[in-house]
Amino acid sequence: PPRVTTREMRNTLKTGAGYTHYIPGLRGPLDFGGNGSSSSDLPMHPWVLGLVLGDGATKQPGTIASSREDIQDTINLLAGFGYPAEERRDFKIAAQNLKRVWGVGPKRIPEEYFWASAEDRLLLVQGLFDSDGSVDPSGAYRFYNTNKDIIEGLVRLLRSLGLVPTVYTRKPRQRKGVYGKESWYVQVRSSTL
């Protein structure tokens, strides 16, 4: 590529069509040279962990919230990954063999998952989006949460997969006269999720 001085960049930075200079993103996921853990080395299947971090009860990781239309598919997926599950009342799922893997305190992504294989990192991201995510009208994926540790962990995972996430703050919502917690959402455009 041609070399451009800083002064030339400044003079040509923005045109009527938008920005003319940018730093390209990664061309794909980071490869840890075979040092990444595989699903069998991790304490919980990555997709299941994403689901638990998003929709699992903090004090009872075996209890997972669901929607009416997704409950049977979620039960089937959990069983397929080795976590037999059954429906409980109020659209809750009781899953067996789930344990708290994020240590003491609020939910967070355990460190070993950041160094797992690209396939397992993607599965964890997909579990998170399957729990608390949506797709906006433009086709971008969005993940919503009130836990800043999970938001920061998701951003770290997405970047390690070669994606460019953007984080937005959402003002607390008022319900029945009471304001909820501050929350965030991560937006990312991708054809791989």
N, C-alpha and C. Protein backbone atom coordinates (compact mmCIF):
# COMPACT_ATOMS: atom_id res chain seq x y z
N PRO A 1 0.83 -1.19 0.00
CA PRO A 1 0.00 0.00 0.00
C PRO A 1 0.87 1.25 0.00
N PRO A 2 0.36 2.31 -0.59
CA PRO A 2 1.15 3.55 -0.62
C PRO A 2 1.30 4.12 0.78
N ARG A 3 2.44 4.76 1.03
CA ARG A 3 2.68 5.38 2.32
C ARG A 3 2.07 6.78 2.30
N VAL A 4 1.44 7.13 3.40
CA VAL A 4 0.78 8.43 3.52
C VAL A 4 1.27 9.08 4.81
N THR A 5 1.62 10.33 4.73
CA THR A 5 2.06 11.04 5.94
C THR A 5 0.85 11.41 6.79
N THR A 6 1.11 11.70 8.04
CA THR A 6 0.04 12.10 8.95
C THR A 6 -0.66 13.36 8.45
N ARG A 7 0.11 14.31 7.95
CA ARG A 7 -0.48 15.55 7.42
C ARG A 7 -1.40 15.24 6.24
N GLU A 8 -0.98 14.37 5.33
CA GLU A 8 -1.83 14.00 4.19
C GLU A 8 -3.11 13.32 4.68
N MET A 9 -2.98 12.48 5.71
CA MET A 9 -4.17 11.83 6.27
C MET A 9 -5.14 12.87 6.81
N ARG A 10 -4.62 13.81 7.60
CA ARG A 10 -5.47 14.83 8.20
C ARG A 10 -6.21 15.62 7.13
N ASN A 11 -5.52 15.96 6.06
CA ASN A 11 -6.12 16.77 5.01
C ASN A 11 -7.14 16.00 4.17
N THR A 12 -7.10 14.69 4.22
CA THR A 12 -8.02 13.89 3.40
C THR A 12 -8.90 12.97 4.23
N LEU A 13 -8.90 13.16 5.56
CA LEU A 13 -9.56 12.22 6.45
C LEU A 13 -11.04 12.03 6.16
N LYS A 14 -11.76 13.11 5.98
CA LYS A 14 -13.20 12.97 5.82
C LYS A 14 -13.64 13.66 4.53
N THR A 15 -14.43 12.95 3.80
CA THR A 15 -15.00 13.51 2.58
C THR A 15 -16.52 13.45 2.72
N GLY A 16 -17.22 13.92 1.74
CA GLY A 16 -18.68 13.86 1.77
C GLY A 16 -19.19 12.43 1.85
N ALA A 17 -18.39 11.46 1.43
CA ALA A 17 -18.81 10.06 1.44
C ALA A 17 -18.48 9.36 2.74
N GLY A 18 -17.85 10.04 3.67
CA GLY A 18 -17.50 9.41 4.95
C GLY A 18 -16.00 9.37 5.14
N TYR A 19 -15.55 8.54 6.06
CA TYR A 19 -14.12 8.45 6.36
C TYR A 19 -13.39 7.72 5.23
N THR A 20 -12.20 8.21 4.92
CA THR A 20 -11.44 7.63 3.82
C THR A 20 -10.29 6.75 4.29
N HIS A 21 -9.97 6.76 5.58
CA HIS A 21 -8.87 5.96 6.12
C HIS A 21 -9.39 5.11 7.28
N TYR A 22 -8.89 3.91 7.39
CA TYR A 22 -9.27 3.06 8.51
C TYR A 22 -8.19 2.02 8.72
N ILE A 23 -8.21 1.42 9.88
CA ILE A 23 -7.29 0.33 10.18
C ILE A 23 -8.08 -0.95 10.02
N PRO A 24 -7.69 -1.82 9.11
CA PRO A 24 -8.48 -3.03 8.88
C PRO A 24 -8.48 -3.93 10.11
N GLY A 25 -9.59 -4.65 10.30
CA GLY A 25 -9.71 -5.59 11.41
C GLY A 25 -9.00 -6.89 11.10
N LEU A 26 -9.10 -7.80 12.03
CA LEU A 26 -8.51 -9.12 11.83
C LEU A 26 -9.19 -9.81 10.65
N ARG A 27 -8.50 -10.70 10.03
CA ARG A 27 -9.07 -11.43 8.92
C ARG A 27 -9.73 -12.73 9.38
N GLY A 28 -9.66 -13.01 10.64
CA GLY A 28 -10.26 -14.22 11.17
C GLY A 28 -9.94 -14.36 12.64
N PRO A 29 -10.33 -15.48 13.25
CA PRO A 29 -10.11 -15.65 14.67
C PRO A 29 -8.64 -15.82 15.03
N LEU A 30 -8.30 -15.39 16.25
CA LEU A 30 -6.95 -15.62 16.74
C LEU A 30 -6.74 -17.11 16.94
N ASP A 31 -5.58 -17.56 16.56
CA ASP A 31 -5.21 -18.98 16.72
C ASP A 31 -4.14 -19.02 17.80
N PHE A 32 -4.40 -19.79 18.84
CA PHE A 32 -3.45 -19.88 19.94
C PHE A 32 -2.44 -21.00 19.74
N GLY A 33 -2.23 -21.41 18.48
CA GLY A 33 -1.18 -22.38 18.15
C GLY A 33 -1.36 -23.73 18.80
N GLY A 34 -2.58 -24.20 18.89
CA GLY A 34 -2.81 -25.51 19.48
C GLY A 34 -2.85 -25.50 21.00
N ASN A 35 -2.62 -24.32 21.61
CA ASN A 35 -2.66 -24.24 23.07
C ASN A 35 -4.06 -23.97 23.60
N GLY A 36 -5.01 -23.72 22.71
CA GLY A 36 -6.37 -23.47 23.15
C GLY A 36 -7.02 -24.75 23.66
N SER A 37 -7.80 -24.63 24.72
CA SER A 37 -8.49 -25.79 25.28
C SER A 37 -9.56 -26.25 24.31
N SER A 38 -9.89 -27.54 24.36
CA SER A 38 -11.02 -28.04 23.60
C SER A 38 -12.19 -28.22 24.57
N SER A 39 -13.39 -28.43 24.02
CA SER A 39 -14.58 -28.57 24.86
C SER A 39 -14.39 -29.59 25.96
N SER A 40 -13.68 -30.68 25.64
CA SER A 40 -13.52 -31.74 26.63
C SER A 40 -12.63 -31.31 27.80
N ASP A 41 -11.79 -30.28 27.61
CA ASP A 41 -10.92 -29.79 28.68
C ASP A 41 -11.60 -28.73 29.55
N LEU A 42 -12.71 -28.20 29.10
CA LEU A 42 -13.37 -27.10 29.79
C LEU A 42 -14.36 -27.64 30.84
N PRO A 43 -14.58 -26.90 31.92
CA PRO A 43 -15.46 -27.39 32.98
C PRO A 43 -16.93 -27.50 32.58
N MET A 44 -17.36 -26.77 31.56
CA MET A 44 -18.74 -26.83 31.08
C MET A 44 -18.71 -26.60 29.58
N HIS A 45 -19.60 -27.26 28.85
CA HIS A 45 -19.67 -27.05 27.41
C HIS A 45 -19.84 -25.55 27.14
N PRO A 46 -19.11 -24.97 26.19
CA PRO A 46 -19.14 -23.51 25.98
C PRO A 46 -20.53 -22.95 25.66
N TRP A 47 -21.31 -23.61 24.79
CA TRP A 47 -22.64 -23.09 24.48
C TRP A 47 -23.51 -23.09 25.73
N VAL A 48 -23.42 -24.15 26.52
CA VAL A 48 -24.21 -24.26 27.74
C VAL A 48 -23.80 -23.17 28.73
N LEU A 49 -22.50 -22.91 28.85
CA LEU A 49 -22.04 -21.84 29.74
C LEU A 49 -22.63 -20.50 29.29
N GLY A 50 -22.62 -20.22 27.99
CA GLY A 50 -23.21 -18.97 27.49
C GLY A 50 -24.67 -18.86 27.86
N LEU A 51 -25.41 -19.96 27.72
CA LEU A 51 -26.83 -19.97 28.08
C LEU A 51 -27.01 -19.71 29.57
N VAL A 52 -26.19 -20.36 30.40
CA VAL A 52 -26.28 -20.20 31.86
C VAL A 52 -25.90 -18.78 32.27
N LEU A 53 -24.84 -18.22 31.66
CA LEU A 53 -24.45 -16.86 32.00
C LEU A 53 -25.54 -15.85 31.64
N GLY A 54 -26.24 -16.11 30.55
CA GLY A 54 -27.29 -15.18 30.13
C GLY A 54 -28.60 -15.39 30.85
N ASP A 55 -29.06 -16.64 30.94
CA ASP A 55 -30.41 -16.91 31.46
C ASP A 55 -30.44 -17.81 32.69
N GLY A 56 -29.30 -18.20 33.21
CA GLY A 56 -29.27 -19.07 34.38
C GLY A 56 -29.43 -18.29 35.67
N ALA A 57 -30.00 -18.95 36.66
CA ALA A 57 -30.13 -18.34 37.99
C ALA A 57 -28.74 -18.23 38.60
N THR A 58 -28.42 -17.10 39.18
CA THR A 58 -27.09 -16.85 39.74
C THR A 58 -26.75 -17.84 40.84
N LYS A 59 -27.67 -18.09 41.74
CA LYS A 59 -27.39 -18.98 42.87
C LYS A 59 -27.69 -20.44 42.57
N GLN A 60 -28.41 -20.70 41.49
CA GLN A 60 -28.74 -22.08 41.10
C GLN A 60 -28.48 -22.24 39.61
N PRO A 61 -27.23 -22.52 39.21
CA PRO A 61 -26.93 -22.59 37.79
C PRO A 61 -27.69 -23.69 37.04
N GLY A 62 -28.32 -24.61 37.74
CA GLY A 62 -29.12 -25.64 37.09
C GLY A 62 -30.49 -25.18 36.68
N THR A 63 -30.87 -23.96 37.04
CA THR A 63 -32.17 -23.40 36.67
C THR A 63 -31.96 -22.34 35.60
N ILE A 64 -32.63 -22.52 34.47
CA ILE A 64 -32.45 -21.63 33.33
C ILE A 64 -33.81 -21.12 32.88
N ALA A 65 -33.92 -19.83 32.66
CA ALA A 65 -35.16 -19.24 32.17
C ALA A 65 -35.23 -19.44 30.65
N SER A 66 -36.45 -19.50 30.15
CA SER A 66 -36.65 -19.68 28.71
C SER A 66 -37.94 -18.99 28.30
N SER A 67 -38.17 -18.94 27.02
CA SER A 67 -39.44 -18.44 26.51
C SER A 67 -40.29 -19.64 26.10
N ARG A 68 -41.56 -19.44 26.02
CA ARG A 68 -42.49 -20.52 25.67
C ARG A 68 -42.08 -21.20 24.36
N GLU A 69 -41.73 -20.38 23.36
CA GLU A 69 -41.44 -20.95 22.04
C GLU A 69 -40.07 -21.64 21.95
N ASP A 70 -39.16 -21.33 22.88
CA ASP A 70 -37.81 -21.92 22.81
C ASP A 70 -37.56 -23.05 23.80
N ILE A 71 -38.48 -23.29 24.71
CA ILE A 71 -38.19 -24.18 25.84
C ILE A 71 -37.85 -25.61 25.39
N GLN A 72 -38.61 -26.18 24.46
CA GLN A 72 -38.34 -27.56 24.06
C GLN A 72 -37.04 -27.67 23.28
N ASP A 73 -36.76 -26.72 22.40
CA ASP A 73 -35.48 -26.74 21.67
C ASP A 73 -34.30 -26.62 22.62
N THR A 74 -34.44 -25.77 23.63
CA THR A 74 -33.36 -25.60 24.61
C THR A 74 -33.14 -26.88 25.40
N ILE A 75 -34.22 -27.53 25.82
CA ILE A 75 -34.11 -28.80 26.54
C ILE A 75 -33.41 -29.83 25.68
N ASN A 76 -33.77 -29.90 24.40
CA ASN A 76 -33.14 -30.87 23.49
C ASN A 76 -31.65 -30.57 23.29
N LEU A 77 -31.30 -29.30 23.13
CA LEU A 77 -29.89 -28.94 22.98
C LEU A 77 -29.09 -29.28 24.23
N LEU A 78 -29.64 -28.94 25.39
CA LEU A 78 -28.95 -29.26 26.64
C LEU A 78 -28.70 -30.77 26.75
N ALA A 79 -29.71 -31.56 26.45
CA ALA A 79 -29.57 -33.02 26.52
C ALA A 79 -28.51 -33.50 25.53
N GLY A 80 -28.49 -32.92 24.34
CA GLY A 80 -27.50 -33.29 23.33
C GLY A 80 -26.07 -33.00 23.76
N PHE A 81 -25.90 -32.00 24.61
CA PHE A 81 -24.57 -31.66 25.12
C PHE A 81 -24.24 -32.37 26.44
N GLY A 82 -25.13 -33.28 26.88
CA GLY A 82 -24.85 -34.06 28.08
C GLY A 82 -25.43 -33.48 29.36
N TYR A 83 -26.42 -32.61 29.24
CA TYR A 83 -27.04 -32.00 30.41
C TYR A 83 -28.55 -32.28 30.34
N PRO A 84 -28.99 -33.47 30.77
CA PRO A 84 -30.43 -33.77 30.72
C PRO A 84 -31.22 -32.68 31.44
N ALA A 85 -32.37 -32.34 30.88
CA ALA A 85 -33.13 -31.22 31.43
C ALA A 85 -34.62 -31.49 31.29
N GLU A 86 -35.39 -30.78 32.09
CA GLU A 86 -36.84 -30.90 32.00
C GLU A 86 -37.47 -29.54 32.28
N GLU A 87 -38.69 -29.39 31.77
CA GLU A 87 -39.40 -28.13 31.96
C GLU A 87 -39.97 -28.06 33.37
N ARG A 88 -39.89 -26.89 33.95
CA ARG A 88 -40.51 -26.59 35.25
C ARG A 88 -41.55 -25.51 35.02
N ARG A 89 -42.20 -25.08 36.05
CA ARG A 89 -43.24 -24.06 35.88
C ARG A 89 -42.62 -22.70 35.55
N ASP A 90 -43.42 -21.80 35.04
CA ASP A 90 -43.02 -20.44 34.70
C ASP A 90 -41.89 -20.39 33.67
N PHE A 91 -41.90 -21.33 32.74
CA PHE A 91 -40.92 -21.37 31.65
C PHE A 91 -39.49 -21.46 32.15
N LYS A 92 -39.29 -22.26 33.15
CA LYS A 92 -37.96 -22.52 33.70
C LYS A 92 -37.55 -23.93 33.29
N ILE A 93 -36.25 -24.12 33.16
CA ILE A 93 -35.68 -25.42 32.83
C ILE A 93 -34.80 -25.84 33.99
N ALA A 94 -34.94 -27.08 34.41
CA ALA A 94 -34.05 -27.65 35.42
C ALA A 94 -33.10 -28.58 34.68
N ALA A 95 -31.83 -28.24 34.67
CA ALA A 95 -30.82 -29.03 33.96
C ALA A 95 -29.91 -29.72 34.95
N GLN A 96 -29.56 -30.97 34.66
CA GLN A 96 -28.68 -31.74 35.52
C GLN A 96 -27.22 -31.50 35.12
N ASN A 97 -26.33 -31.79 36.03
CA ASN A 97 -24.88 -31.76 35.80
C ASN A 97 -24.30 -30.36 35.60
N LEU A 98 -25.09 -29.32 35.85
CA LEU A 98 -24.55 -27.97 35.73
C LEU A 98 -23.96 -27.55 37.07
N LYS A 99 -22.83 -26.90 37.02
CA LYS A 99 -22.21 -26.41 38.25
C LYS A 99 -21.76 -24.98 38.02
N ARG A 100 -21.57 -24.30 39.08
CA ARG A 100 -21.10 -22.91 39.01
C ARG A 100 -19.62 -22.93 38.66
N VAL A 101 -19.25 -22.40 37.51
CA VAL A 101 -17.85 -22.46 37.07
C VAL A 101 -17.18 -21.09 37.06
N TRP A 102 -17.88 -20.04 37.47
CA TRP A 102 -17.29 -18.70 37.40
C TRP A 102 -16.72 -18.24 38.73
N GLY A 103 -16.62 -19.13 39.70
CA GLY A 103 -16.01 -18.77 40.97
C GLY A 103 -16.96 -18.02 41.88
N VAL A 104 -16.40 -17.30 42.81
CA VAL A 104 -17.18 -16.56 43.80
C VAL A 104 -17.61 -15.22 43.21
N GLY A 105 -18.77 -14.75 43.60
CA GLY A 105 -19.24 -13.45 43.15
C GLY A 105 -20.16 -13.52 41.97
N PRO A 106 -20.38 -12.38 41.30
CA PRO A 106 -21.31 -12.34 40.18
C PRO A 106 -20.82 -13.18 39.00
N LYS A 107 -21.75 -13.47 38.11
CA LYS A 107 -21.42 -14.27 36.93
C LYS A 107 -20.36 -13.57 36.09
N ARG A 108 -19.46 -14.37 35.54
CA ARG A 108 -18.44 -13.87 34.62
C ARG A 108 -17.93 -15.05 33.80
N ILE A 109 -17.27 -14.76 32.71
CA ILE A 109 -16.71 -15.80 31.86
C ILE A 109 -15.37 -16.23 32.46
N PRO A 110 -15.22 -17.52 32.80
CA PRO A 110 -13.95 -17.98 33.36
C PRO A 110 -12.80 -17.80 32.36
N GLU A 111 -11.62 -17.49 32.87
CA GLU A 111 -10.45 -17.16 32.05
C GLU A 111 -10.12 -18.24 31.02
N GLU A 112 -10.23 -19.51 31.37
CA GLU A 112 -9.82 -20.57 30.43
C GLU A 112 -10.63 -20.56 29.13
N TYR A 113 -11.84 -19.99 29.16
CA TYR A 113 -12.65 -19.94 27.94
C TYR A 113 -12.11 -18.91 26.94
N PHE A 114 -11.40 -17.90 27.42
CA PHE A 114 -10.82 -16.91 26.50
C PHE A 114 -9.66 -17.52 25.70
N TRP A 115 -9.07 -18.59 26.21
CA TRP A 115 -7.92 -19.23 25.56
C TRP A 115 -8.31 -20.53 24.88
N ALA A 116 -9.59 -20.83 24.84
CA ALA A 116 -10.07 -22.06 24.21
C ALA A 116 -9.94 -21.95 22.69
N SER A 117 -10.23 -23.02 22.01
CA SER A 117 -10.17 -23.02 20.55
C SER A 117 -11.16 -22.01 19.99
N ALA A 118 -10.94 -21.58 18.76
CA ALA A 118 -11.85 -20.62 18.11
C ALA A 118 -13.27 -21.20 18.05
N GLU A 119 -13.38 -22.49 17.79
CA GLU A 119 -14.70 -23.13 17.71
C GLU A 119 -15.42 -23.03 19.06
N ASP A 120 -14.71 -23.28 20.15
CA ASP A 120 -15.33 -23.21 21.47
C ASP A 120 -15.65 -21.78 21.88
N ARG A 121 -14.80 -20.82 21.51
CA ARG A 121 -15.10 -19.42 21.80
C ARG A 121 -16.35 -18.98 21.05
N LEU A 122 -16.50 -19.45 19.81
CA LEU A 122 -17.70 -19.12 19.03
C LEU A 122 -18.93 -19.76 19.66
N LEU A 123 -18.82 -21.00 20.12
CA LEU A 123 -19.96 -21.66 20.79
C LEU A 123 -20.39 -20.89 22.03
N LEU A 124 -19.44 -20.39 22.80
CA LEU A 124 -19.77 -19.59 23.99
C LEU A 124 -20.50 -18.31 23.59
N VAL A 125 -20.01 -17.65 22.56
CA VAL A 125 -20.67 -16.43 22.06
C VAL A 125 -22.09 -16.76 21.61
N GLN A 126 -22.25 -17.88 20.89
CA GLN A 126 -23.58 -18.26 20.42
C GLN A 126 -24.53 -18.55 21.58
N GLY A 127 -24.02 -19.18 22.64
CA GLY A 127 -24.84 -19.43 23.81
C GLY A 127 -25.30 -18.15 24.48
N LEU A 128 -24.38 -17.18 24.56
CA LEU A 128 -24.74 -15.88 25.13
C LEU A 128 -25.82 -15.20 24.28
N PHE A 129 -25.63 -15.18 22.97
CA PHE A 129 -26.62 -14.54 22.10
C PHE A 129 -27.94 -15.30 22.11
N ASP A 130 -27.90 -16.63 22.24
CA ASP A 130 -29.14 -17.40 22.30
C ASP A 130 -29.91 -17.10 23.59
N SER A 131 -29.21 -16.70 24.62
CA SER A 131 -29.89 -16.41 25.89
C SER A 131 -30.43 -14.98 25.93
N ASP A 132 -29.60 -13.99 25.69
CA ASP A 132 -29.99 -12.59 25.86
C ASP A 132 -29.73 -11.76 24.61
N GLY A 133 -29.83 -12.36 23.46
CA GLY A 133 -29.52 -11.65 22.24
C GLY A 133 -30.72 -11.48 21.33
N SER A 134 -30.50 -10.69 20.30
CA SER A 134 -31.51 -10.47 19.28
C SER A 134 -30.79 -10.03 18.00
N VAL A 135 -31.56 -9.94 16.93
CA VAL A 135 -31.04 -9.43 15.67
C VAL A 135 -31.86 -8.19 15.32
N ASP A 136 -31.17 -7.08 15.07
CA ASP A 136 -31.91 -5.86 14.76
C ASP A 136 -32.32 -5.85 13.28
N PRO A 137 -33.16 -4.91 12.87
CA PRO A 137 -33.65 -4.89 11.48
C PRO A 137 -32.55 -4.82 10.42
N SER A 138 -31.39 -4.27 10.78
CA SER A 138 -30.30 -4.18 9.80
C SER A 138 -29.50 -5.49 9.69
N GLY A 139 -29.80 -6.46 10.57
CA GLY A 139 -29.09 -7.73 10.55
C GLY A 139 -27.95 -7.82 11.55
N ALA A 140 -27.73 -6.78 12.34
CA ALA A 140 -26.67 -6.81 13.35
C ALA A 140 -27.16 -7.58 14.57
N TYR A 141 -26.25 -8.28 15.21
CA TYR A 141 -26.56 -9.01 16.43
C TYR A 141 -26.40 -8.09 17.63
N ARG A 142 -27.29 -8.24 18.61
CA ARG A 142 -27.21 -7.45 19.84
C ARG A 142 -27.34 -8.38 21.04
N PHE A 143 -26.53 -8.12 22.05
CA PHE A 143 -26.58 -8.86 23.31
C PHE A 143 -26.78 -7.85 24.42
N TYR A 144 -27.78 -8.08 25.27
CA TYR A 144 -28.14 -7.15 26.34
C TYR A 144 -27.83 -7.78 27.69
N ASN A 145 -27.31 -6.99 28.64
CA ASN A 145 -27.07 -7.51 29.98
C ASN A 145 -26.84 -6.36 30.96
N THR A 146 -27.08 -6.64 32.24
CA THR A 146 -26.81 -5.66 33.30
C THR A 146 -25.49 -5.94 34.00
N ASN A 147 -24.81 -7.01 33.60
CA ASN A 147 -23.55 -7.41 34.23
C ASN A 147 -22.39 -6.93 33.36
N LYS A 148 -21.68 -5.93 33.84
CA LYS A 148 -20.57 -5.34 33.06
C LYS A 148 -19.46 -6.35 32.80
N ASP A 149 -19.21 -7.29 33.74
CA ASP A 149 -18.18 -8.31 33.52
C ASP A 149 -18.51 -9.20 32.32
N ILE A 150 -19.78 -9.56 32.19
CA ILE A 150 -20.18 -10.39 31.04
C ILE A 150 -20.06 -9.59 29.75
N ILE A 151 -20.46 -8.33 29.77
CA ILE A 151 -20.35 -7.46 28.59
C ILE A 151 -18.88 -7.38 28.16
N GLU A 152 -17.99 -7.08 29.10
CA GLU A 152 -16.56 -6.96 28.77
C GLU A 152 -15.98 -8.29 28.30
N GLY A 153 -16.41 -9.38 28.90
CA GLY A 153 -15.95 -10.70 28.45
C GLY A 153 -16.42 -11.02 27.05
N LEU A 154 -17.67 -10.69 26.74
CA LEU A 154 -18.18 -10.93 25.39
C LEU A 154 -17.39 -10.12 24.37
N VAL A 155 -17.11 -8.87 24.68
CA VAL A 155 -16.33 -8.02 23.76
C VAL A 155 -14.96 -8.67 23.52
N ARG A 156 -14.33 -9.14 24.57
CA ARG A 156 -13.02 -9.79 24.45
C ARG A 156 -13.11 -11.03 23.56
N LEU A 157 -14.16 -11.85 23.75
CA LEU A 157 -14.34 -13.03 22.91
C LEU A 157 -14.57 -12.65 21.45
N LEU A 158 -15.44 -11.67 21.21
CA LEU A 158 -15.74 -11.27 19.84
C LEU A 158 -14.49 -10.75 19.13
N ARG A 159 -13.69 -9.96 19.83
CA ARG A 159 -12.45 -9.46 19.22
C ARG A 159 -11.49 -10.60 18.91
N SER A 160 -11.44 -11.61 19.79
CA SER A 160 -10.54 -12.74 19.54
C SER A 160 -11.01 -13.58 18.36
N LEU A 161 -12.27 -13.40 17.97
CA LEU A 161 -12.81 -14.11 16.80
C LEU A 161 -12.71 -13.25 15.53
N GLY A 162 -12.04 -12.11 15.62
CA GLY A 162 -11.83 -11.25 14.46
C GLY A 162 -13.00 -10.34 14.16
N LEU A 163 -13.91 -10.16 15.12
CA LEU A 163 -15.08 -9.31 14.92
C LEU A 163 -14.88 -7.96 15.60
N VAL A 164 -15.69 -6.99 15.22
CA VAL A 164 -15.56 -5.64 15.74
C VAL A 164 -16.86 -5.26 16.46
N PRO A 165 -16.91 -5.50 17.78
CA PRO A 165 -18.12 -5.17 18.53
C PRO A 165 -18.15 -3.71 18.96
N THR A 166 -19.34 -3.19 19.17
CA THR A 166 -19.54 -1.85 19.71
C THR A 166 -20.42 -1.99 20.95
N VAL A 167 -20.07 -1.28 22.02
CA VAL A 167 -20.83 -1.35 23.27
C VAL A 167 -21.60 -0.05 23.46
N TYR A 168 -22.87 -0.18 23.83
CA TYR A 168 -23.73 0.96 24.09
C TYR A 168 -24.29 0.85 25.51
N THR A 169 -24.45 1.98 26.18
CA THR A 169 -25.06 2.01 27.50
C THR A 169 -26.55 2.29 27.33
N ARG A 170 -27.35 1.57 28.09
CA ARG A 170 -28.79 1.79 28.10
C ARG A 170 -29.18 2.41 29.43
N LYS A 171 -29.96 3.44 29.38
CA LYS A 171 -30.44 4.06 30.61
C LYS A 171 -31.36 3.09 31.34
N PRO A 172 -31.35 3.17 32.67
CA PRO A 172 -32.27 2.30 33.43
C PRO A 172 -33.71 2.54 33.00
N ARG A 173 -34.45 1.46 32.86
CA ARG A 173 -35.85 1.57 32.49
C ARG A 173 -36.72 1.67 33.74
N GLN A 174 -37.83 2.36 33.59
CA GLN A 174 -38.75 2.50 34.70
C GLN A 174 -39.92 1.54 34.49
N ARG A 175 -40.17 0.72 35.50
CA ARG A 175 -41.30 -0.21 35.46
C ARG A 175 -42.07 -0.05 36.76
N LYS A 176 -43.33 0.25 36.65
CA LYS A 176 -44.19 0.44 37.82
C LYS A 176 -43.60 1.46 38.78
N GLY A 177 -43.01 2.52 38.23
CA GLY A 177 -42.48 3.60 39.05
C GLY A 177 -41.10 3.35 39.65
N VAL A 178 -40.49 2.21 39.35
CA VAL A 178 -39.18 1.86 39.91
C VAL A 178 -38.18 1.74 38.77
N TYR A 179 -37.02 2.38 38.95
CA TYR A 179 -35.98 2.28 37.94
C TYR A 179 -35.17 1.01 38.12
N GLY A 180 -34.87 0.33 37.02
CA GLY A 180 -34.05 -0.87 37.05
C GLY A 180 -32.57 -0.52 37.04
N LYS A 181 -31.76 -1.53 36.80
CA LYS A 181 -30.31 -1.36 36.78
C LYS A 181 -29.85 -0.76 35.45
N GLU A 182 -28.68 -0.14 35.51
CA GLU A 182 -28.04 0.29 34.27
C GLU A 182 -27.71 -0.96 33.48
N SER A 183 -27.80 -0.89 32.17
CA SER A 183 -27.48 -2.05 31.34
C SER A 183 -26.72 -1.60 30.11
N TRP A 184 -26.22 -2.59 29.40
CA TRP A 184 -25.43 -2.35 28.20
C TRP A 184 -25.88 -3.31 27.12
N TYR A 185 -25.56 -2.94 25.90
CA TYR A 185 -25.70 -3.94 24.84
C TYR A 185 -24.50 -3.87 23.91
N VAL A 186 -24.16 -5.04 23.43
CA VAL A 186 -23.06 -5.20 22.49
C VAL A 186 -23.68 -5.44 21.13
N GLN A 187 -23.22 -4.71 20.14
CA GLN A 187 -23.70 -4.91 18.78
C GLN A 187 -22.54 -5.33 17.91
N VAL A 188 -22.78 -6.31 17.05
CA VAL A 188 -21.73 -6.79 16.16
C VAL A 188 -22.37 -7.26 14.86
N ARG A 189 -21.69 -6.99 13.79
CA ARG A 189 -22.14 -7.48 12.47
C ARG A 189 -21.27 -8.67 12.13
N SER A 190 -21.90 -9.75 11.75
CA SER A 190 -21.16 -10.96 11.46
C SER A 190 -21.99 -11.93 10.64
N SER A 191 -21.33 -12.67 9.79
CA SER A 191 -22.01 -13.76 9.08
C SER A 191 -21.68 -15.09 9.72
N THR A 192 -20.81 -15.10 10.77
CA THR A 192 -20.40 -16.35 11.38
C THR A 192 -21.18 -16.71 12.63
N LEU A 193 -21.92 -15.75 13.21
CA LEU A 193 -22.67 -16.05 14.43
C LEU A 193 -23.90 -16.84 14.07
